[in-house]
N, C-alpha and C. Protein backbone atom coordinates (compact mmCIF):
# COMPACT_ATOMS: atom_id res chain seq x y z
N MET A 1 34.89 5.52 -13.34
CA MET A 1 33.93 6.51 -13.75
C MET A 1 33.82 6.58 -15.26
N GLN A 2 34.90 6.23 -15.92
CA GLN A 2 34.88 6.29 -17.38
C GLN A 2 33.81 5.38 -17.97
N ASP A 3 33.56 4.25 -17.34
CA ASP A 3 32.54 3.34 -17.87
C ASP A 3 31.14 3.94 -17.75
N VAL A 4 30.89 4.66 -16.66
CA VAL A 4 29.59 5.33 -16.49
C VAL A 4 29.41 6.41 -17.54
N VAL A 5 30.45 7.22 -17.70
CA VAL A 5 30.39 8.30 -18.69
C VAL A 5 30.23 7.74 -20.10
N PHE A 6 30.96 6.69 -20.42
CA PHE A 6 30.83 6.07 -21.73
C PHE A 6 29.40 5.57 -21.97
N ALA A 7 28.83 4.90 -20.97
CA ALA A 7 27.49 4.33 -21.12
C ALA A 7 26.43 5.40 -21.31
N LEU A 8 26.63 6.55 -20.69
CA LEU A 8 25.61 7.60 -20.75
C LEU A 8 25.85 8.64 -21.84
N THR A 9 27.00 8.58 -22.49
CA THR A 9 27.29 9.60 -23.50
C THR A 9 27.73 9.03 -24.84
N ASP A 10 28.16 7.79 -24.88
CA ASP A 10 28.75 7.20 -26.08
C ASP A 10 29.97 7.98 -26.56
N SER A 11 30.62 8.66 -25.64
CA SER A 11 31.80 9.44 -25.99
C SER A 11 32.91 8.51 -26.46
N GLU A 12 33.61 8.94 -27.50
CA GLU A 12 34.75 8.17 -28.00
C GLU A 12 35.91 8.21 -27.00
N ASP A 13 35.96 9.30 -26.20
CA ASP A 13 37.04 9.49 -25.25
C ASP A 13 36.46 9.92 -23.90
N PRO A 14 36.00 8.98 -23.09
CA PRO A 14 35.38 9.32 -21.81
C PRO A 14 36.30 10.13 -20.89
N LYS A 15 37.60 9.89 -20.98
CA LYS A 15 38.56 10.62 -20.15
C LYS A 15 38.49 12.12 -20.45
N GLN A 16 38.46 12.47 -21.74
CA GLN A 16 38.35 13.88 -22.15
C GLN A 16 36.98 14.45 -21.78
N TYR A 17 35.95 13.62 -21.92
CA TYR A 17 34.60 14.07 -21.57
C TYR A 17 34.55 14.45 -20.10
N ILE A 18 35.17 13.63 -19.25
CA ILE A 18 35.20 13.91 -17.81
C ILE A 18 35.94 15.21 -17.54
N LYS A 19 37.07 15.44 -18.23
CA LYS A 19 37.81 16.69 -18.05
C LYS A 19 36.95 17.90 -18.38
N LYS A 20 36.23 17.82 -19.52
CA LYS A 20 35.36 18.93 -19.93
C LYS A 20 34.19 19.10 -18.95
N MET A 21 33.65 17.99 -18.49
CA MET A 21 32.53 18.04 -17.55
C MET A 21 32.98 18.72 -16.25
N ARG A 22 34.15 18.36 -15.77
CA ARG A 22 34.68 18.97 -14.55
C ARG A 22 34.97 20.45 -14.76
N ALA A 23 35.42 20.83 -15.95
CA ALA A 23 35.74 22.23 -16.23
C ALA A 23 34.49 23.11 -16.23
N ARG A 24 33.36 22.55 -16.65
CA ARG A 24 32.15 23.38 -16.72
C ARG A 24 31.32 23.32 -15.43
N ASP A 25 31.68 22.45 -14.50
CA ASP A 25 30.94 22.31 -13.24
C ASP A 25 31.91 22.54 -12.08
N ASP A 26 31.96 23.78 -11.59
CA ASP A 26 32.91 24.15 -10.54
C ASP A 26 32.74 23.32 -9.26
N ALA A 27 31.50 23.05 -8.88
CA ALA A 27 31.25 22.26 -7.67
C ALA A 27 31.76 20.83 -7.83
N LEU A 28 31.55 20.28 -8.99
CA LEU A 28 32.04 18.92 -9.26
C LEU A 28 33.57 18.92 -9.23
N GLU A 29 34.17 19.90 -9.86
CA GLU A 29 35.64 19.98 -9.89
C GLU A 29 36.22 20.13 -8.49
N SER A 30 35.64 21.01 -7.69
CA SER A 30 36.22 21.26 -6.36
C SER A 30 36.04 20.07 -5.42
N ASN A 31 35.08 19.20 -5.69
CA ASN A 31 34.85 18.03 -4.84
C ASN A 31 35.25 16.72 -5.50
N TRP A 32 35.94 16.78 -6.64
CA TRP A 32 36.25 15.58 -7.40
C TRP A 32 37.00 14.54 -6.57
N GLY A 33 37.96 14.96 -5.78
CA GLY A 33 38.74 14.02 -4.97
C GLY A 33 37.92 13.31 -3.92
N THR A 34 36.84 13.94 -3.49
CA THR A 34 35.93 13.32 -2.52
C THR A 34 34.93 12.41 -3.23
N ILE A 35 34.47 12.86 -4.39
CA ILE A 35 33.47 12.10 -5.15
C ILE A 35 34.10 10.87 -5.80
N CYS A 36 35.26 11.05 -6.38
CA CYS A 36 35.95 9.95 -7.08
C CYS A 36 37.31 9.72 -6.45
N THR A 37 37.52 8.49 -6.06
CA THR A 37 38.76 8.11 -5.39
C THR A 37 39.51 7.08 -6.21
N PRO A 38 40.80 7.27 -6.39
CA PRO A 38 41.57 6.24 -7.08
C PRO A 38 41.78 5.03 -6.17
N LEU A 39 41.42 3.88 -6.67
CA LEU A 39 41.60 2.64 -5.92
C LEU A 39 42.36 1.64 -6.78
N PRO A 40 43.24 0.85 -6.16
CA PRO A 40 43.95 -0.17 -6.93
C PRO A 40 43.01 -1.34 -7.24
N LEU A 41 42.82 -1.60 -8.52
CA LEU A 41 41.97 -2.70 -8.96
C LEU A 41 42.77 -3.58 -9.93
N LEU A 42 42.42 -4.84 -9.96
CA LEU A 42 43.07 -5.78 -10.86
C LEU A 42 42.63 -5.51 -12.30
N ALA A 43 43.58 -5.22 -13.15
CA ALA A 43 43.29 -4.92 -14.56
C ALA A 43 43.28 -6.22 -15.37
N PRO A 44 42.71 -6.17 -16.59
CA PRO A 44 42.68 -7.37 -17.43
C PRO A 44 44.05 -7.99 -17.68
N ASP A 45 45.11 -7.16 -17.61
CA ASP A 45 46.46 -7.70 -17.84
C ASP A 45 47.04 -8.35 -16.59
N GLY A 46 46.24 -8.42 -15.51
CA GLY A 46 46.68 -9.07 -14.28
C GLY A 46 47.43 -8.17 -13.32
N LYS A 47 47.64 -6.91 -13.68
CA LYS A 47 48.35 -5.97 -12.81
C LYS A 47 47.35 -5.11 -12.04
N MET A 48 47.80 -4.64 -10.89
CA MET A 48 46.99 -3.71 -10.11
C MET A 48 47.18 -2.31 -10.69
N ARG A 49 46.06 -1.66 -11.01
CA ARG A 49 46.11 -0.32 -11.60
C ARG A 49 45.21 0.61 -10.80
N GLU A 50 45.66 1.85 -10.65
CA GLU A 50 44.82 2.86 -10.01
C GLU A 50 43.63 3.14 -10.92
N THR A 51 42.44 2.98 -10.37
CA THR A 51 41.21 3.17 -11.13
C THR A 51 40.32 4.15 -10.37
N THR A 52 39.82 5.16 -11.07
CA THR A 52 38.96 6.14 -10.43
C THR A 52 37.60 5.51 -10.16
N CYS A 53 37.21 5.49 -8.89
CA CYS A 53 35.95 4.84 -8.48
C CYS A 53 35.10 5.83 -7.68
N ALA A 54 33.82 5.56 -7.63
CA ALA A 54 32.91 6.38 -6.83
C ALA A 54 31.87 5.48 -6.19
N ASN A 55 31.38 5.91 -5.04
CA ASN A 55 30.29 5.18 -4.41
C ASN A 55 28.97 5.59 -5.09
N THR A 56 27.88 5.05 -4.62
CA THR A 56 26.58 5.30 -5.25
C THR A 56 26.26 6.79 -5.28
N GLU A 57 26.47 7.47 -4.17
CA GLU A 57 26.19 8.91 -4.11
C GLU A 57 27.05 9.67 -5.12
N GLY A 58 28.31 9.28 -5.24
CA GLY A 58 29.20 9.93 -6.19
C GLY A 58 28.77 9.71 -7.63
N VAL A 59 28.36 8.48 -7.95
CA VAL A 59 27.88 8.19 -9.30
C VAL A 59 26.64 9.04 -9.61
N PHE A 60 25.73 9.15 -8.65
CA PHE A 60 24.53 9.97 -8.87
C PHE A 60 24.91 11.43 -9.11
N ARG A 61 25.90 11.93 -8.36
CA ARG A 61 26.33 13.32 -8.53
C ARG A 61 26.90 13.52 -9.93
N ILE A 62 27.67 12.57 -10.40
CA ILE A 62 28.26 12.67 -11.74
C ILE A 62 27.17 12.61 -12.81
N ILE A 63 26.23 11.73 -12.65
CA ILE A 63 25.12 11.62 -13.60
C ILE A 63 24.39 12.96 -13.72
N GLN A 64 24.24 13.67 -12.59
CA GLN A 64 23.58 14.98 -12.63
C GLN A 64 24.33 15.97 -13.51
N SER A 65 25.62 15.78 -13.68
CA SER A 65 26.44 16.71 -14.46
C SER A 65 26.57 16.33 -15.93
N ILE A 66 25.96 15.23 -16.31
CA ILE A 66 26.07 14.78 -17.70
C ILE A 66 24.88 15.28 -18.52
N PRO A 67 25.14 16.21 -19.47
CA PRO A 67 24.06 16.71 -20.31
C PRO A 67 23.83 15.80 -21.51
N SER A 68 23.18 14.68 -21.25
CA SER A 68 22.98 13.69 -22.30
C SER A 68 21.58 13.12 -22.19
N PRO A 69 20.92 12.86 -23.32
CA PRO A 69 19.59 12.24 -23.27
C PRO A 69 19.60 10.91 -22.53
N LYS A 70 20.72 10.18 -22.60
CA LYS A 70 20.78 8.89 -21.90
C LYS A 70 20.81 9.06 -20.38
N ALA A 71 21.26 10.22 -19.91
CA ALA A 71 21.32 10.47 -18.47
C ALA A 71 19.96 10.94 -17.92
N GLU A 72 19.09 11.43 -18.79
CA GLU A 72 17.81 11.99 -18.34
C GLU A 72 16.93 11.02 -17.55
N PRO A 73 16.79 9.76 -17.96
CA PRO A 73 15.97 8.86 -17.15
C PRO A 73 16.49 8.72 -15.72
N PHE A 74 17.80 8.71 -15.56
CA PHE A 74 18.38 8.62 -14.22
C PHE A 74 18.10 9.90 -13.43
N LYS A 75 18.23 11.05 -14.09
CA LYS A 75 17.97 12.32 -13.43
C LYS A 75 16.51 12.41 -12.98
N LYS A 76 15.60 11.96 -13.84
CA LYS A 76 14.18 11.97 -13.48
C LYS A 76 13.91 11.03 -12.30
N TRP A 77 14.54 9.86 -12.33
CA TRP A 77 14.38 8.92 -11.23
C TRP A 77 14.92 9.51 -9.93
N LEU A 78 16.10 10.15 -9.99
CA LEU A 78 16.67 10.77 -8.79
C LEU A 78 15.75 11.87 -8.25
N ALA A 79 15.17 12.66 -9.14
CA ALA A 79 14.24 13.70 -8.70
C ALA A 79 13.01 13.09 -8.04
N LYS A 80 12.51 12.01 -8.60
CA LYS A 80 11.33 11.33 -8.05
C LYS A 80 11.63 10.77 -6.66
N VAL A 81 12.77 10.09 -6.54
CA VAL A 81 13.15 9.51 -5.25
C VAL A 81 13.38 10.62 -4.22
N GLY A 82 14.03 11.70 -4.64
CA GLY A 82 14.25 12.84 -3.74
C GLY A 82 12.93 13.41 -3.25
N TYR A 83 11.99 13.57 -4.16
CA TYR A 83 10.66 14.08 -3.80
C TYR A 83 9.98 13.15 -2.80
N GLU A 84 10.06 11.84 -3.06
CA GLU A 84 9.43 10.87 -2.16
C GLU A 84 10.04 10.95 -0.76
N ARG A 85 11.37 11.11 -0.67
CA ARG A 85 12.00 11.19 0.65
C ARG A 85 11.59 12.46 1.39
N VAL A 86 11.44 13.56 0.67
CA VAL A 86 10.97 14.81 1.31
C VAL A 86 9.56 14.60 1.86
N LYS A 87 8.71 13.93 1.09
CA LYS A 87 7.36 13.65 1.56
C LYS A 87 7.40 12.75 2.81
N GLU A 88 8.35 11.82 2.86
CA GLU A 88 8.48 10.93 4.02
C GLU A 88 8.94 11.70 5.25
N ILE A 89 9.71 12.76 5.05
CA ILE A 89 10.11 13.60 6.19
C ILE A 89 8.86 14.28 6.75
N GLU A 90 7.98 14.74 5.86
CA GLU A 90 6.74 15.38 6.28
C GLU A 90 5.80 14.39 6.94
N ASP A 91 5.76 13.14 6.44
CA ASP A 91 4.86 12.10 6.94
C ASP A 91 5.63 10.78 7.03
N PRO A 92 6.26 10.51 8.18
CA PRO A 92 7.09 9.30 8.32
C PRO A 92 6.34 7.99 8.07
N GLU A 93 5.04 7.98 8.17
CA GLU A 93 4.28 6.75 7.89
C GLU A 93 4.47 6.30 6.44
N LEU A 94 4.74 7.25 5.55
CA LEU A 94 4.99 6.91 4.15
C LEU A 94 6.23 6.02 4.02
N ALA A 95 7.25 6.25 4.85
CA ALA A 95 8.45 5.42 4.81
C ALA A 95 8.13 3.99 5.23
N SER A 96 7.30 3.86 6.23
CA SER A 96 6.89 2.53 6.68
C SER A 96 6.11 1.81 5.58
N THR A 97 5.22 2.50 4.92
CA THR A 97 4.45 1.93 3.83
C THR A 97 5.38 1.51 2.69
N ARG A 98 6.36 2.35 2.38
CA ARG A 98 7.31 2.04 1.31
C ARG A 98 8.11 0.79 1.68
N ALA A 99 8.53 0.69 2.94
CA ALA A 99 9.30 -0.49 3.36
C ALA A 99 8.47 -1.76 3.19
N ARG A 100 7.21 -1.70 3.59
CA ARG A 100 6.33 -2.87 3.44
C ARG A 100 6.20 -3.26 1.96
N GLU A 101 6.02 -2.27 1.10
CA GLU A 101 5.88 -2.53 -0.34
C GLU A 101 7.15 -3.14 -0.92
N LEU A 102 8.30 -2.66 -0.48
CA LEU A 102 9.56 -3.22 -0.97
C LEU A 102 9.74 -4.67 -0.53
N TYR A 103 9.45 -4.95 0.73
CA TYR A 103 9.53 -6.33 1.20
C TYR A 103 8.58 -7.23 0.41
N LYS A 104 7.36 -6.73 0.16
CA LYS A 104 6.37 -7.50 -0.59
C LYS A 104 6.88 -7.76 -2.02
N ALA A 105 7.46 -6.73 -2.65
CA ALA A 105 7.98 -6.87 -4.01
C ALA A 105 9.13 -7.87 -4.08
N LYS A 106 9.85 -8.01 -2.97
CA LYS A 106 10.96 -8.97 -2.91
C LYS A 106 10.46 -10.39 -2.63
N GLY A 107 9.16 -10.52 -2.41
CA GLY A 107 8.58 -11.85 -2.25
C GLY A 107 8.45 -12.34 -0.82
N TYR A 108 8.67 -11.47 0.16
CA TYR A 108 8.51 -11.90 1.54
C TYR A 108 7.03 -12.06 1.88
N PRO A 109 6.68 -13.07 2.69
CA PRO A 109 5.28 -13.27 3.05
C PRO A 109 4.79 -12.19 4.02
N PRO A 110 3.49 -11.91 4.01
CA PRO A 110 2.93 -10.85 4.86
C PRO A 110 3.25 -11.00 6.34
N ASP A 111 3.21 -12.23 6.88
CA ASP A 111 3.49 -12.39 8.31
C ASP A 111 4.96 -12.06 8.62
N TRP A 112 5.87 -12.41 7.72
CA TRP A 112 7.28 -12.07 7.91
C TRP A 112 7.45 -10.55 7.90
N ILE A 113 6.78 -9.88 6.97
CA ILE A 113 6.87 -8.42 6.85
C ILE A 113 6.40 -7.76 8.14
N GLU A 114 5.28 -8.22 8.67
CA GLU A 114 4.75 -7.63 9.91
C GLU A 114 5.72 -7.83 11.07
N LYS A 115 6.27 -9.04 11.19
CA LYS A 115 7.24 -9.31 12.26
C LYS A 115 8.46 -8.41 12.10
N ARG A 116 8.94 -8.27 10.88
CA ARG A 116 10.10 -7.43 10.61
C ARG A 116 9.83 -5.97 10.99
N MET A 117 8.68 -5.47 10.60
CA MET A 117 8.33 -4.08 10.91
C MET A 117 8.20 -3.87 12.42
N ARG A 118 7.60 -4.84 13.11
CA ARG A 118 7.47 -4.75 14.57
C ARG A 118 8.85 -4.79 15.23
N SER A 119 9.73 -5.65 14.71
CA SER A 119 11.07 -5.74 15.32
C SER A 119 11.83 -4.43 15.18
N HIS A 120 11.64 -3.72 14.07
CA HIS A 120 12.27 -2.40 13.90
C HIS A 120 11.74 -1.44 14.97
N ALA A 121 10.44 -1.43 15.16
CA ALA A 121 9.82 -0.53 16.14
C ALA A 121 10.30 -0.86 17.55
N ILE A 122 10.35 -2.15 17.88
CA ILE A 122 10.78 -2.55 19.23
C ILE A 122 12.25 -2.19 19.45
N ARG A 123 13.09 -2.45 18.45
CA ARG A 123 14.51 -2.10 18.57
C ARG A 123 14.68 -0.60 18.76
N LYS A 124 13.91 0.19 18.04
CA LYS A 124 13.99 1.65 18.18
C LYS A 124 13.59 2.07 19.58
N GLU A 125 12.51 1.49 20.11
CA GLU A 125 12.08 1.82 21.47
C GLU A 125 13.18 1.46 22.48
N LEU A 126 13.79 0.31 22.29
CA LEU A 126 14.83 -0.14 23.21
C LEU A 126 16.04 0.80 23.17
N THR A 127 16.52 1.12 21.98
CA THR A 127 17.69 2.00 21.90
C THR A 127 17.36 3.41 22.39
N ASP A 128 16.14 3.87 22.18
CA ASP A 128 15.72 5.17 22.72
C ASP A 128 15.74 5.14 24.24
N GLU A 129 15.27 4.04 24.81
CA GLU A 129 15.27 3.91 26.28
C GLU A 129 16.69 3.90 26.82
N TRP A 130 17.59 3.19 26.14
CA TRP A 130 18.99 3.19 26.57
C TRP A 130 19.54 4.61 26.56
N LYS A 131 19.27 5.36 25.51
CA LYS A 131 19.75 6.74 25.42
C LYS A 131 19.17 7.59 26.54
N ASN A 132 17.87 7.40 26.82
CA ASN A 132 17.23 8.17 27.89
C ASN A 132 17.86 7.89 29.24
N ARG A 133 18.40 6.69 29.42
CA ARG A 133 19.02 6.30 30.69
C ARG A 133 20.53 6.57 30.70
N GLY A 134 21.03 7.19 29.64
CA GLY A 134 22.43 7.59 29.61
C GLY A 134 23.41 6.53 29.16
N ILE A 135 22.92 5.44 28.61
CA ILE A 135 23.82 4.39 28.13
C ILE A 135 24.39 4.83 26.78
N GLN A 136 25.70 4.83 26.70
CA GLN A 136 26.35 5.33 25.49
C GLN A 136 27.20 4.30 24.78
N GLU A 137 27.64 3.28 25.49
CA GLU A 137 28.53 2.30 24.88
C GLU A 137 28.03 0.89 25.17
N ASN A 138 28.45 -0.06 24.34
CA ASN A 138 28.04 -1.45 24.52
C ASN A 138 28.37 -1.98 25.90
N ARG A 139 29.46 -1.52 26.48
CA ARG A 139 29.87 -2.06 27.78
C ARG A 139 28.94 -1.58 28.90
N ASP A 140 28.07 -0.61 28.64
CA ASP A 140 27.17 -0.09 29.66
C ASP A 140 25.94 -0.97 29.87
N TYR A 141 25.74 -1.98 29.07
CA TYR A 141 24.62 -2.89 29.26
C TYR A 141 25.06 -4.32 29.07
N ALA A 142 24.36 -5.21 29.71
CA ALA A 142 24.74 -6.63 29.68
C ALA A 142 24.15 -7.29 28.45
N ILE A 143 24.91 -8.18 27.85
CA ILE A 143 24.43 -8.99 26.74
C ILE A 143 24.21 -10.39 27.30
N LEU A 144 23.01 -10.84 27.20
CA LEU A 144 22.68 -12.15 27.76
C LEU A 144 22.73 -13.22 26.71
């Protein structure tokens, strides 16, 4: 986490910055052990060292607590993405459109995109049918 804090604050002492950040944000402090987990990682000296790590959601939560101009673009992006997902809850077709646009941006051809989107729909129908018929585990249906 210190590398994220350093990059977004230019703090001379990211460790102290994190302590102060946690002190002023009670929710961050009370959930710190869940947000950031010490993991053994190989250090430059070749030894395994406990390093505080976070997953993507944890990093985003920490970025929200950093009052720095460098963090603002990330905060704006998070707000935009959050808004888009809320709109997709209201209109699920927007999620399908977004998926198509992402596949297109990654360079997939239109026919591949259509097949992929259809396969998602078919798989969803199939798993819904299994649920409707009471199938709960892999052993309840045959794999051919």
